[in-house]
Amino acid sequence: MSFIELHTRSAFSFLSSGSLPEDIAVRSAELDMPAVGMMDRDTVSGAVRLHFEAKEQGVRAMIGSEITLADGSLLPLMPLNLTGYQNLCRLITTVKLRHKKGEHFATRRDIEEHSAGLLCFTGGADGFLHHHIKRHRGQEALAWLKYVFEGRLYVELQRHNLPHEEAVNQTLLALAHKFRLPYFASNGPYYAAQRDRELFDVFTCIKNHCTIENAGRLISENSERYLRSAAQMAYQFDDYPQAVAATVEIADRVKFSMDELGYTFPDYPVPPGETSAKPAGTSIAIAAPSSGRGPALAATAVNESTWPT
């Protein structure tokens, strides 16, 4: 059975991951994964690094972001196309410009206004839907998500061999059936390989200003938050094989690639008969202050018509 991890996190989620984007790309290739999705917190800063390393490894990179909401929960969003990527970038920029550094969050209205072209996942334990399920408001939360992301919403199931997870997963499945929503399996990796768990715990301690010795429940309960192979995920979800298979179908919907991006020079107004690339007769004034040892260098006009072509 094929499997594609849609929801990883890199070190660009500051102190919330133990692996670089390049590590994720390399490990995905080692697992013969044809594509991988990376969704860092409130940023796409690691997207280029994942994109280029993934191309080197023969893996397709899918870029997204976990958006922090007013209640502190996260909403994972992934662009389907260039419009979706533009909306995701506008959303992140809008939210960060409005708040002090480290205090930003998106409102529901922000999400609604920038939702076009974006897939939405319900996320893991720190996700928006989980947050509301704990407060017995799961139906209301999922109804809003379905309204905003009609036909682009997926319920995410995760299993890390923790006893409390299964009750939540059964609630998620019940809600998915009630709202007739598709669901998929993810391991929600915080690090590429299992051995990286120790580094992730160190970052957790730095973030919480404590030591490993007194971190208690702040650090990971186990070492299961790594990139799993298709065989491992099939075993983990042997009772829901369709959740594993769905990852390939979802990945097939994602058409956006960083290759679509390029710089377009602004279209400045120019006199009739001229172009913004090379307006005729443009002059540039060059001046230098006096050195104190002689008269100042006079301003010099450079006419573009004399430039070599």
C-alpha atoms as a PDB file:
ATOM      1  CA  MET A   1       0.000   0.000   0.000  1.00  0.00           C
ATOM      2  CA  SER A   2       1.282   3.476  -0.887  1.00  0.00           C
ATOM      3  CA  PHE A   3       1.474   6.269   1.674  1.00  0.00           C
ATOM      4  CA  ILE A   4       2.473   9.930   1.523  1.00  0.00           C
ATOM      5  CA  GLU A   5       3.132  11.923   4.680  1.00  0.00           C
ATOM      6  CA  LEU A   6       1.160  15.147   4.252  1.00  0.00           C
ATOM      7  CA  HIS A   7       1.850  16.863   7.544  1.00  0.00           C
ATOM      8  CA  THR A   8       5.449  17.195   8.698  1.00  0.00           C
ATOM      9  CA  ARG A   9       7.050  20.067  10.585  1.00  0.00           C
ATOM     10  CA  SER A  10      10.630  21.363  10.277  1.00  0.00           C
ATOM     11  CA  ALA A  11      13.032  23.424  12.370  1.00  0.00           C
ATOM     12  CA  PHE A  12      11.488  26.523  10.773  1.00  0.00           C
ATOM     13  CA  SER A  13       8.705  25.936  13.290  1.00  0.00           C
ATOM     14  CA  PHE A  14      10.938  27.572  15.873  1.00  0.00           C
ATOM     15  CA  LEU A  15      11.897  25.094  18.631  1.00  0.00           C
ATOM     16  CA  SER A  16       9.001  22.832  17.620  1.00  0.00           C
ATOM     17  CA  SER A  17      10.834  20.337  15.422  1.00  0.00           C
ATOM     18  CA  GLY A  18      14.095  18.439  15.480  1.00  0.00           C
ATOM     19  CA  SER A  19      14.838  18.293  11.730  1.00  0.00           C
ATOM     20  CA  LEU A  20      15.749  20.620   8.884  1.00  0.00           C
ATOM     21  CA  PRO A  21      13.683  20.642   5.668  1.00  0.00           C
ATOM     22  CA  GLU A  22      16.563  18.893   3.906  1.00  0.00           C
ATOM     23  CA  ASP A  23      16.418  16.057   6.464  1.00  0.00           C
ATOM     24  CA  ILE A  24      12.737  15.564   5.697  1.00  0.00           C
ATOM     25  CA  ALA A  25      13.388  15.399   1.965  1.00  0.00           C
ATOM     26  CA  VAL A  26      16.277  12.935   2.320  1.00  0.00           C
ATOM     27  CA  ARG A  27      14.376  10.671   4.705  1.00  0.00           C
ATOM     28  CA  SER A  28      11.309  10.692   2.438  1.00  0.00           C
ATOM     29  CA  ALA A  29      13.479   9.511  -0.451  1.00  0.00           C
ATOM     30  CA  GLU A  30      14.976   6.758   1.727  1.00  0.00           C
ATOM     31  CA  LEU A  31      11.424   5.579   2.431  1.00  0.00           C
ATOM     32  CA  ASP A  32      10.567   5.616  -1.310  1.00  0.00           C
ATOM     33  CA  MET A  33       7.917   8.239  -0.664  1.00  0.00           C
ATOM     34  CA  PRO A  34       7.011   9.990  -3.950  1.00  0.00           C
ATOM     35  CA  ALA A  35       5.995  13.226  -2.217  1.00  0.00           C
ATOM     36  CA  VAL A  36       5.989  14.835   1.224  1.00  0.00           C
ATOM     37  CA  GLY A  37       4.102  17.740   2.780  1.00  0.00           C
ATOM     38  CA  MET A  38       5.709  20.230   5.176  1.00  0.00           C
ATOM     39  CA  MET A  39       3.636  22.658   7.222  1.00  0.00           C
ATOM     40  CA  ASP A  40       5.575  24.952   9.553  1.00  0.00           C
ATOM     41  CA  ARG A  41       4.000  27.263  12.084  1.00  0.00           C
ATOM     42  CA  ASP A  42       2.926  30.598  10.596  1.00  0.00           C
ATOM     43  CA  THR A  43       5.647  30.564   7.952  1.00  0.00           C
ATOM     44  CA  VAL A  44       6.734  29.156   4.610  1.00  0.00           C
ATOM     45  CA  SER A  45      10.354  30.130   5.255  1.00  0.00           C
ATOM     46  CA  GLY A  46      11.645  26.585   4.849  1.00  0.00           C
ATOM     47  CA  ALA A  47       9.761  25.962   1.622  1.00  0.00           C
ATOM     48  CA  VAL A  48      12.616  26.741  -0.778  1.00  0.00           C
ATOM     49  CA  ARG A  49      15.065  24.513   1.089  1.00  0.00           C
ATOM     50  CA  LEU A  50      12.618  21.612   1.070  1.00  0.00           C
ATOM     51  CA  HIS A  51      11.791  22.208  -2.597  1.00  0.00           C
ATOM     52  CA  PHE A  52      15.360  22.118  -3.875  1.00  0.00           C
ATOM     53  CA  GLU A  53      16.480  19.188  -1.735  1.00  0.00           C
ATOM     54  CA  ALA A  54      13.348  17.247  -2.622  1.00  0.00           C
ATOM     55  CA  LYS A  55      14.038  17.815  -6.328  1.00  0.00           C
ATOM     56  CA  GLU A  56      17.542  16.449  -5.833  1.00  0.00           C
ATOM     57  CA  GLN A  57      16.090  13.392  -4.117  1.00  0.00           C
ATOM     58  CA  GLY A  58      13.321  12.798  -6.671  1.00  0.00           C
ATOM     59  CA  VAL A  59      10.576  13.673  -4.188  1.00  0.00           C
ATOM     60  CA  ARG A  60       7.751  16.136  -4.838  1.00  0.00           C
ATOM     61  CA  ALA A  61       7.568  18.834  -2.177  1.00  0.00           C
ATOM     62  CA  MET A  62       4.164  20.055  -0.983  1.00  0.00           C
ATOM     63  CA  ILE A  63       4.246  23.278   0.995  1.00  0.00           C
ATOM     64  CA  GLY A  64       1.779  24.503   3.600  1.00  0.00           C
ATOM     65  CA  SER A  65       1.619  26.158   6.998  1.00  0.00           C
ATOM     66  CA  GLU A  66       0.032  25.680  10.401  1.00  0.00           C
ATOM     67  CA  ILE A  67      -1.817  28.905  11.173  1.00  0.00           C
ATOM     68  CA  THR A  68      -2.117  29.950  14.817  1.00  0.00           C
ATOM     69  CA  LEU A  69      -5.667  30.920  15.784  1.00  0.00           C
ATOM     70  CA  ALA A  70      -6.934  33.165  18.579  1.00  0.00           C
ATOM     71  CA  ASP A  71      -7.414  30.224  20.965  1.00  0.00           C
ATOM     72  CA  GLY A  72      -3.803  29.086  20.487  1.00  0.00           C
ATOM     73  CA  SER A  73      -4.725  26.089  18.355  1.00  0.00           C
ATOM     74  CA  LEU A  74      -3.320  25.421  14.876  1.00  0.00           C
ATOM     75  CA  LEU A  75      -5.051  25.116  11.514  1.00  0.00           C
ATOM     76  CA  PRO A  76      -2.979  23.313   8.850  1.00  0.00           C
ATOM     77  CA  LEU A  77      -3.477  24.771   5.357  1.00  0.00           C
ATOM     78  CA  MET A  78      -1.937  23.567   2.089  1.00  0.00           C
ATOM     79  CA  PRO A  79      -2.137  25.303  -1.319  1.00  0.00           C
ATOM     80  CA  LEU A  80      -3.777  23.422  -4.158  1.00  0.00           C
ATOM     81  CA  ASN A  81      -2.511  25.902  -6.730  1.00  0.00           C
ATOM     82  CA  LEU A  82      -0.757  29.252  -7.137  1.00  0.00           C
ATOM     83  CA  THR A  83      -3.853  31.129  -5.960  1.00  0.00           C
ATOM     84  CA  GLY A  84      -3.812  29.089  -2.766  1.00  0.00           C
ATOM     85  CA  TYR A  85      -0.132  29.838  -2.169  1.00  0.00           C
ATOM     86  CA  GLN A  86      -0.714  33.545  -2.708  1.00  0.00           C
ATOM     87  CA  ASN A  87      -3.615  33.479  -0.244  1.00  0.00           C
ATOM     88  CA  LEU A  88      -1.543  31.580   2.308  1.00  0.00           C
ATOM     89  CA  CYS A  89       1.278  34.130   2.072  1.00  0.00           C
ATOM     90  CA  ARG A  90      -1.182  37.033   2.307  1.00  0.00           C
ATOM     91  CA  LEU A  91      -2.783  35.434   5.368  1.00  0.00           C
ATOM     92  CA  ILE A  92       0.546  34.980   7.159  1.00  0.00           C
ATOM     93  CA  THR A  93       1.654  38.520   6.275  1.00  0.00           C
ATOM     94  CA  THR A  94      -1.646  40.103   7.304  1.00  0.00           C
ATOM     95  CA  VAL A  95      -1.628  38.384  10.666  1.00  0.00           C
ATOM     96  CA  LYS A  96       2.009  39.172  11.481  1.00  0.00           C
ATOM     97  CA  LEU A  97       1.768  42.835  10.490  1.00  0.00           C
ATOM     98  CA  ARG A  98      -1.183  43.284  12.831  1.00  0.00           C
ATOM     99  CA  HIS A  99       0.490  42.008  15.998  1.00  0.00           C
ATOM    100  CA  LYS A 100       3.715  42.214  17.948  1.00  0.00           C
ATOM    101  CA  LYS A 101       6.306  39.547  17.234  1.00  0.00           C
ATOM    102  CA  GLY A 102       5.361  36.278  18.900  1.00  0.00           C
ATOM    103  CA  GLU A 103       1.816  37.434  19.682  1.00  0.00           C
ATOM    104  CA  HIS A 104       0.178  36.993  16.291  1.00  0.00           C
ATOM    105  CA  PHE A 105      -2.944  34.969  15.574  1.00  0.00           C
ATOM    106  CA  ALA A 106      -5.532  34.699  12.822  1.00  0.00           C
ATOM    107  CA  THR A 107      -9.223  35.328  13.333  1.00  0.00           C
ATOM    108  CA  ARG A 108     -11.968  33.300  11.726  1.00  0.00           C
ATOM    109  CA  ARG A 109     -12.600  36.201   9.393  1.00  0.00           C
ATOM    110  CA  ASP A 110      -8.939  36.113   8.308  1.00  0.00           C
ATOM    111  CA  ILE A 111      -9.284  32.441   7.445  1.00  0.00           C
ATOM    112  CA  GLU A 112     -12.518  32.999   5.533  1.00  0.00           C
ATOM    113  CA  GLU A 113     -11.084  35.875   3.488  1.00  0.00           C
ATOM    114  CA  HIS A 114      -7.972  33.913   2.451  1.00  0.00           C
ATOM    115  CA  SER A 115      -9.384  30.404   2.038  1.00  0.00           C
ATOM    116  CA  ALA A 116      -9.550  30.183  -1.770  1.00  0.00           C
ATOM    117  CA  GLY A 117      -7.247  27.571  -3.274  1.00  0.00           C
ATOM    118  CA  LEU A 118      -6.335  26.037   0.075  1.00  0.00           C
ATOM    119  CA  LEU A 119      -6.802  22.554   1.498  1.00  0.00           C
ATOM    120  CA  CYS A 120      -7.535  22.375   5.215  1.00  0.00           C
ATOM    121  CA  PHE A 121      -6.583  19.521   7.556  1.00  0.00           C
ATOM    122  CA  THR A 122      -8.010  19.244  11.054  1.00  0.00           C
ATOM    123  CA  GLY A 123      -4.507  18.615  12.446  1.00  0.00           C
ATOM    124  CA  GLY A 124      -3.229  16.757  15.471  1.00  0.00           C
ATOM    125  CA  ALA A 125      -3.475  17.217  19.230  1.00  0.00           C
ATOM    126  CA  ASP A 126      -2.673  20.937  18.953  1.00  0.00           C
ATOM    127  CA  GLY A 127      -5.158  21.416  16.120  1.00  0.00           C
ATOM    128  CA  PHE A 128      -8.263  23.588  16.016  1.00  0.00           C
ATOM    129  CA  LEU A 129     -10.724  20.687  15.964  1.00  0.00           C
ATOM    130  CA  HIS A 130      -9.012  18.810  18.815  1.00  0.00           C
ATOM    131  CA  HIS A 131      -9.112  21.996  20.884  1.00  0.00           C
ATOM    132  CA  HIS A 132     -12.881  22.241  20.433  1.00  0.00           C
ATOM    133  CA  ILE A 133     -13.530  18.523  20.929  1.00  0.00           C
ATOM    134  CA  LYS A 134     -11.947  18.819  24.392  1.00  0.00           C
ATOM    135  CA  ARG A 135     -14.446  21.593  25.120  1.00  0.00           C
ATOM    136  CA  HIS A 136     -17.383  19.606  23.714  1.00  0.00           C
ATOM    137  CA  ARG A 137     -17.763  21.981  20.750  1.00  0.00           C
ATOM    138  CA  GLY A 138     -16.414  19.706  18.047  1.00  0.00           C
ATOM    139  CA  GLN A 139     -19.534  19.774  15.865  1.00  0.00           C
ATOM    140  CA  GLU A 140     -19.686  23.575  15.816  1.00  0.00           C
ATOM    141  CA  ALA A 141     -15.991  23.824  14.934  1.00  0.00           C
ATOM    142  CA  LEU A 142     -16.188  21.249  12.144  1.00  0.00           C
ATOM    143  CA  ALA A 143     -19.354  22.838  10.732  1.00  0.00           C
ATOM    144  CA  TRP A 144     -17.497  26.146  10.390  1.00  0.00           C
ATOM    145  CA  LEU A 145     -14.507  24.488   8.723  1.00  0.00           C
ATOM    146  CA  LYS A 146     -16.783  22.680   6.267  1.00  0.00           C
ATOM    147  CA  TYR A 147     -18.535  25.955   5.440  1.00  0.00           C
ATOM    148  CA  VAL A 148     -15.229  27.710   4.711  1.00  0.00           C
ATOM    149  CA  PHE A 149     -13.437  24.811   2.969  1.00  0.00           C
ATOM    150  CA  GLU A 150     -16.283  23.048   1.191  1.00  0.00           C
ATOM    151  CA  GLY A 151     -14.810  20.135  -0.754  1.00  0.00           C
ATOM    152  CA  ARG A 152     -11.310  20.951   0.553  1.00  0.00           C
ATOM    153  CA  LEU A 153     -11.502  19.742   4.159  1.00  0.00           C
ATOM    154  CA  TYR A 154      -9.973  16.512   5.508  1.00  0.00           C
ATOM    155  CA  VAL A 155     -10.148  14.984   8.967  1.00  0.00           C
ATOM    156  CA  GLU A 156      -6.685  13.951  10.133  1.00  0.00           C
ATOM    157  CA  LEU A 157      -6.070  10.802  12.189  1.00  0.00           C
ATOM    158  CA  GLN A 158      -2.838  10.259  14.116  1.00  0.00           C
ATOM    159  CA  ARG A 159      -1.619   7.346  16.217  1.00  0.00           C
ATOM    160  CA  HIS A 160       1.526   7.430  18.341  1.00  0.00           C
ATOM    161  CA  ASN A 161       0.815   4.437  20.604  1.00  0.00           C
ATOM    162  CA  LEU A 162      -0.645   6.649  23.331  1.00  0.00           C
ATOM    163  CA  PRO A 163      -3.710   5.375  25.219  1.00  0.00           C
ATOM    164  CA  HIS A 164      -5.658   8.641  25.164  1.00  0.00           C
ATOM    165  CA  GLU A 165      -5.414   9.047  21.376  1.00  0.00           C
ATOM    166  CA  GLU A 166      -7.910   6.382  20.420  1.00  0.00           C
ATOM    167  CA  ALA A 167     -10.882   8.025  22.128  1.00  0.00           C
ATOM    168  CA  VAL A 168     -10.140  11.222  20.205  1.00  0.00           C
ATOM    169  CA  ASN A 169      -9.748   9.315  16.934  1.00  0.00           C
ATOM    170  CA  GLN A 170     -13.127   7.644  17.404  1.00  0.00           C
ATOM    171  CA  THR A 171     -14.685  11.064  17.979  1.00  0.00           C
ATOM    172  CA  LEU A 172     -12.972  12.364  14.843  1.00  0.00           C
ATOM    173  CA  LEU A 173     -14.251   9.418  12.805  1.00  0.00           C
ATOM    174  CA  ALA A 174     -17.780   9.908  14.140  1.00  0.00           C
ATOM    175  CA  LEU A 175     -17.667  13.578  13.166  1.00  0.00           C
ATOM    176  CA  ALA A 176     -16.259  12.716   9.734  1.00  0.00           C
ATOM    177  CA  HIS A 177     -19.154  10.322   9.111  1.00  0.00           C
ATOM    178  CA  LYS A 178     -21.716  12.811  10.452  1.00  0.00           C
ATOM    179  CA  PHE A 179     -20.491  15.600   8.165  1.00  0.00           C
ATOM    180  CA  ARG A 180     -19.650  13.214   5.293  1.00  0.00           C
ATOM    181  CA  LEU A 181     -16.021  14.261   5.228  1.00  0.00           C
ATOM    182  CA  PRO A 182     -13.012  12.257   4.018  1.00  0.00           C
ATOM    183  CA  TYR A 183     -10.259  11.357   6.469  1.00  0.00           C
ATOM    184  CA  PHE A 184      -6.615  10.388   6.173  1.00  0.00           C
ATOM    185  CA  ALA A 185      -3.762   8.999   8.267  1.00  0.00           C
ATOM    186  CA  SER A 186      -0.700  10.977   9.314  1.00  0.00           C
ATOM    187  CA  ASN A 187       2.045  10.499  11.844  1.00  0.00           C
ATOM    188  CA  GLY A 188       2.387  14.264  12.275  1.00  0.00           C
ATOM    189  CA  PRO A 189       6.205  14.017  12.371  1.00  0.00           C
ATOM    190  CA  TYR A 190       8.187  16.487  14.462  1.00  0.00           C
ATOM    191  CA  TYR A 191      11.475  14.962  13.261  1.00  0.00           C
ATOM    192  CA  ALA A 192      12.648  12.957  10.254  1.00  0.00           C
ATOM    193  CA  ALA A 193      14.182   9.936  12.011  1.00  0.00           C
ATOM    194  CA  GLN A 194      13.406   8.342  15.365  1.00  0.00           C
ATOM    195  CA  ARG A 195      16.895   9.148  16.673  1.00  0.00           C
ATOM    196  CA  ASP A 196      16.123  12.889  16.354  1.00  0.00           C
ATOM    197  CA  ARG A 197      13.710  12.749  19.264  1.00  0.00           C
ATOM    198  CA  GLU A 198      16.451  13.713  21.747  1.00  0.00           C
ATOM    199  CA  LEU A 199      17.224  16.922  19.863  1.00  0.00           C
ATOM    200  CA  PHE A 200      13.517  17.734  19.722  1.00  0.00           C
ATOM    201  CA  ASP A 201      13.304  17.327  23.512  1.00  0.00           C
ATOM    202  CA  VAL A 202      16.246  19.709  23.941  1.00  0.00           C
ATOM    203  CA  PHE A 203      14.428  22.311  21.838  1.00  0.00           C
ATOM    204  CA  THR A 204      11.304  21.782  23.928  1.00  0.00           C
ATOM    205  CA  CYS A 205      13.273  22.496  27.083  1.00  0.00           C
ATOM    206  CA  ILE A 206      14.816  25.633  25.581  1.00  0.00           C
ATOM    207  CA  LYS A 207      11.357  26.874  24.618  1.00  0.00           C
ATOM    208  CA  ASN A 208      10.014  26.242  28.108  1.00  0.00           C
ATOM    209  CA  HIS A 209      13.133  27.476  29.984  1.00  0.00           C
ATOM    210  CA  CYS A 210      13.754  24.230  31.820  1.00  0.00           C
ATOM    211  CA  THR A 211      16.174  21.308  31.860  1.00  0.00           C
ATOM    212  CA  ILE A 212      15.637  17.740  30.707  1.00  0.00           C
ATOM    213  CA  GLU A 213      15.751  16.642  34.357  1.00  0.00           C
ATOM    214  CA  ASN A 214      12.827  18.811  35.450  1.00  0.00           C
ATOM    215  CA  ALA A 215      10.863  19.008  32.180  1.00  0.00           C
ATOM    216  CA  GLY A 216       8.413  16.314  33.261  1.00  0.00           C
ATOM    217  CA  ARG A 217       5.466  15.997  30.882  1.00  0.00           C
ATOM    218  CA  LEU A 218       6.658  18.874  28.721  1.00  0.00           C
ATOM    219  CA  ILE A 219       8.882  16.540  26.713  1.00  0.00           C
ATOM    220  CA  SER A 220       7.718  13.761  24.389  1.00  0.00           C
ATOM    221  CA  GLU A 221       5.885  10.800  25.865  1.00  0.00           C
ATOM    222  CA  ASN A 222       7.658   8.502  23.404  1.00  0.00           C
ATOM    223  CA  SER A 223       9.728   8.555  20.195  1.00  0.00           C
ATOM    224  CA  GLU A 224       6.943   7.926  17.693  1.00  0.00           C
ATOM    225  CA  ARG A 225       6.788  11.351  15.983  1.00  0.00           C
ATOM    226  CA  TYR A 226       9.048  10.425  13.055  1.00  0.00           C
ATOM    227  CA  LEU A 227       8.567   9.863   9.327  1.00  0.00           C
ATOM    228  CA  ARG A 228       7.116   6.377   9.022  1.00  0.00           C
ATOM    229  CA  SER A 229       7.236   4.137   5.991  1.00  0.00           C
ATOM    230  CA  ALA A 230       4.171   2.995   4.062  1.00  0.00           C
ATOM    231  CA  ALA A 231       4.447  -0.448   5.669  1.00  0.00           C
ATOM    232  CA  GLN A 232       4.591   1.044   9.172  1.00  0.00           C
ATOM    233  CA  MET A 233       1.562   3.240   8.537  1.00  0.00           C
ATOM    234  CA  ALA A 234      -0.368   0.331   7.023  1.00  0.00           C
ATOM    235  CA  TYR A 235       0.335  -1.648  10.200  1.00  0.00           C
ATOM    236  CA  GLN A 236      -0.559   1.286  12.454  1.00  0.00           C
ATOM    237  CA  PHE A 237      -3.884   1.775  10.669  1.00  0.00           C
ATOM    238  CA  ASP A 238      -4.653  -1.809   9.708  1.00  0.00           C
ATOM    239  CA  ASP A 239      -8.264  -1.240  10.795  1.00  0.00           C
ATOM    240  CA  TYR A 240      -8.580   1.831   8.538  1.00  0.00           C
ATOM    241  CA  PRO A 241      -6.554   1.053   5.381  1.00  0.00           C
ATOM    242  CA  GLN A 242      -8.586   3.633   3.456  1.00  0.00           C
ATOM    243  CA  ALA A 243      -7.096   6.356   5.681  1.00  0.00           C
ATOM    244  CA  VAL A 244      -3.613   5.426   4.491  1.00  0.00           C
ATOM    245  CA  ALA A 245      -4.628   5.114   0.839  1.00  0.00           C
ATOM    246  CA  ALA A 246      -6.354   8.506   0.967  1.00  0.00           C
ATOM    247  CA  THR A 247      -2.999  10.268   1.381  1.00  0.00           C
ATOM    248  CA  VAL A 248      -2.107   9.497  -2.235  1.00  0.00           C
ATOM    249  CA  GLU A 249      -5.451  10.849  -3.473  1.00  0.00           C
ATOM    250  CA  ILE A 250      -5.003  14.059  -1.483  1.00  0.00           C
ATOM    251  CA  ALA A 251      -1.450  14.537  -2.739  1.00  0.00           C
ATOM    252  CA  ASP A 252      -2.696  14.140  -6.309  1.00  0.00           C
ATOM    253  CA  ARG A 253      -4.975  17.153  -5.774  1.00  0.00           C
ATOM    254  CA  VAL A 254      -2.028  19.393  -4.848  1.00  0.00           C
ATOM    255  CA  LYS A 255      -0.751  20.916  -8.096  1.00  0.00           C
ATOM    256  CA  PHE A 256       1.218  23.845  -6.692  1.00  0.00           C
ATOM    257  CA  SER A 257       5.006  23.806  -6.980  1.00  0.00           C
ATOM    258  CA  MET A 258       7.616  26.361  -5.993  1.00  0.00           C
ATOM    259  CA  ASP A 259       8.744  26.152  -9.633  1.00  0.00           C
ATOM    260  CA  GLU A 260       5.731  28.338 -10.472  1.00  0.00           C
ATOM    261  CA  LEU A 261       7.201  31.285  -8.604  1.00  0.00           C
ATOM    262  CA  GLY A 262       9.355  33.932 -10.213  1.00  0.00           C
ATOM    263  CA  TYR A 263      10.037  37.626  -9.873  1.00  0.00           C
ATOM    264  CA  THR A 264       7.986  39.979 -12.056  1.00  0.00           C
ATOM    265  CA  PHE A 265       9.350  43.515 -12.326  1.00  0.00           C
ATOM    266  CA  PRO A 266       6.714  46.155 -11.420  1.00  0.00           C
ATOM    267  CA  ASP A 267       4.917  47.715 -14.389  1.00  0.00           C
ATOM    268  CA  TYR A 268       5.947  51.367 -13.961  1.00  0.00           C
ATOM    269  CA  PRO A 269       4.342  54.074 -16.138  1.00  0.00           C
ATOM    270  CA  VAL A 270       6.729  55.325 -18.869  1.00  0.00           C
ATOM    271  CA  PRO A 271       6.473  58.030 -21.582  1.00  0.00           C
ATOM    272  CA  PRO A 272       4.835  57.089 -24.894  1.00  0.00           C
ATOM    273  CA  GLY A 273       7.036  55.029 -27.164  1.00  0.00           C
ATOM    274  CA  GLU A 274       9.290  53.831 -24.345  1.00  0.00           C
ATOM    275  CA  THR A 275       9.446  50.645 -22.265  1.00  0.00           C
ATOM    276  CA  SER A 276      10.011  50.122 -18.560  1.00  0.00           C
ATOM    277  CA  ALA A 277      12.950  47.848 -19.429  1.00  0.00           C
ATOM    278  CA  LYS A 278      14.973  50.632 -21.071  1.00  0.00           C
ATOM    279  CA  PRO A 279      13.431  54.118 -21.270  1.00  0.00           C
ATOM    280  CA  ALA A 280      15.367  56.335 -23.661  1.00  0.00           C
ATOM    281  CA  GLY A 281      17.293  59.311 -22.419  1.00  0.00           C
ATOM    282  CA  THR A 282      17.277  58.256 -18.757  1.00  0.00           C
ATOM    283  CA  SER A 283      19.809  60.195 -16.764  1.00  0.00           C
ATOM    284  CA  ILE A 284      21.344  59.202 -13.462  1.00  0.00           C
ATOM    285  CA  ALA A 285      22.976  61.823 -11.257  1.00  0.00           C
ATOM    286  CA  ILE A 286      26.170  60.687  -9.570  1.00  0.00           C
ATOM    287  CA  ALA A 287      27.710  62.839  -6.876  1.00  0.00           C
ATOM    288  CA  ALA A 288      30.461  62.427  -4.309  1.00  0.00           C
ATOM    289  CA  PRO A 289      31.224  64.622  -1.306  1.00  0.00           C
ATOM    290  CA  SER A 290      34.430  66.578  -1.085  1.00  0.00           C
ATOM    291  CA  SER A 291      37.345  64.702   0.447  1.00  0.00           C
ATOM    292  CA  GLY A 292      38.644  67.905   1.961  1.00  0.00           C
ATOM    293  CA  ARG A 293      41.726  67.738  -0.280  1.00  0.00           C
ATOM    294  CA  GLY A 294      40.137  69.480  -3.253  1.00  0.00           C
ATOM    295  CA  PRO A 295      36.870  70.597  -4.849  1.00  0.00           C
ATOM    296  CA  ALA A 296      33.915  68.284  -4.655  1.00  0.00           C
ATOM    297  CA  LEU A 297      33.244  65.997  -7.577  1.00  0.00           C
ATOM    298  CA  ALA A 298      30.531  67.598  -9.669  1.00  0.00           C
ATOM    299  CA  ALA A 299      27.320  65.759 -10.377  1.00  0.00           C
ATOM    300  CA  THR A 300      27.615  63.810 -13.599  1.00  0.00           C
ATOM    301  CA  ALA A 301      24.746  62.968 -15.905  1.00  0.00           C
ATOM    302  CA  VAL A 302      24.877  59.566 -17.529  1.00  0.00           C
ATOM    303  CA  ASN A 303      22.664  59.200 -20.543  1.00  0.00           C
ATOM    304  CA  GLU A 304      21.390  55.670 -21.067  1.00  0.00           C
ATOM    305  CA  SER A 305      21.465  56.143 -24.827  1.00  0.00           C
ATOM    306  CA  THR A 306      25.254  55.913 -24.628  1.00  0.00           C
ATOM    307  CA  TRP A 307      25.197  52.521 -22.865  1.00  0.00           C
ATOM    308  CA  PRO A 308      26.567  49.574 -24.827  1.00  0.00           C
ATOM    309  CA  THR A 309      23.940  47.232 -26.216  1.00  0.00           C
END
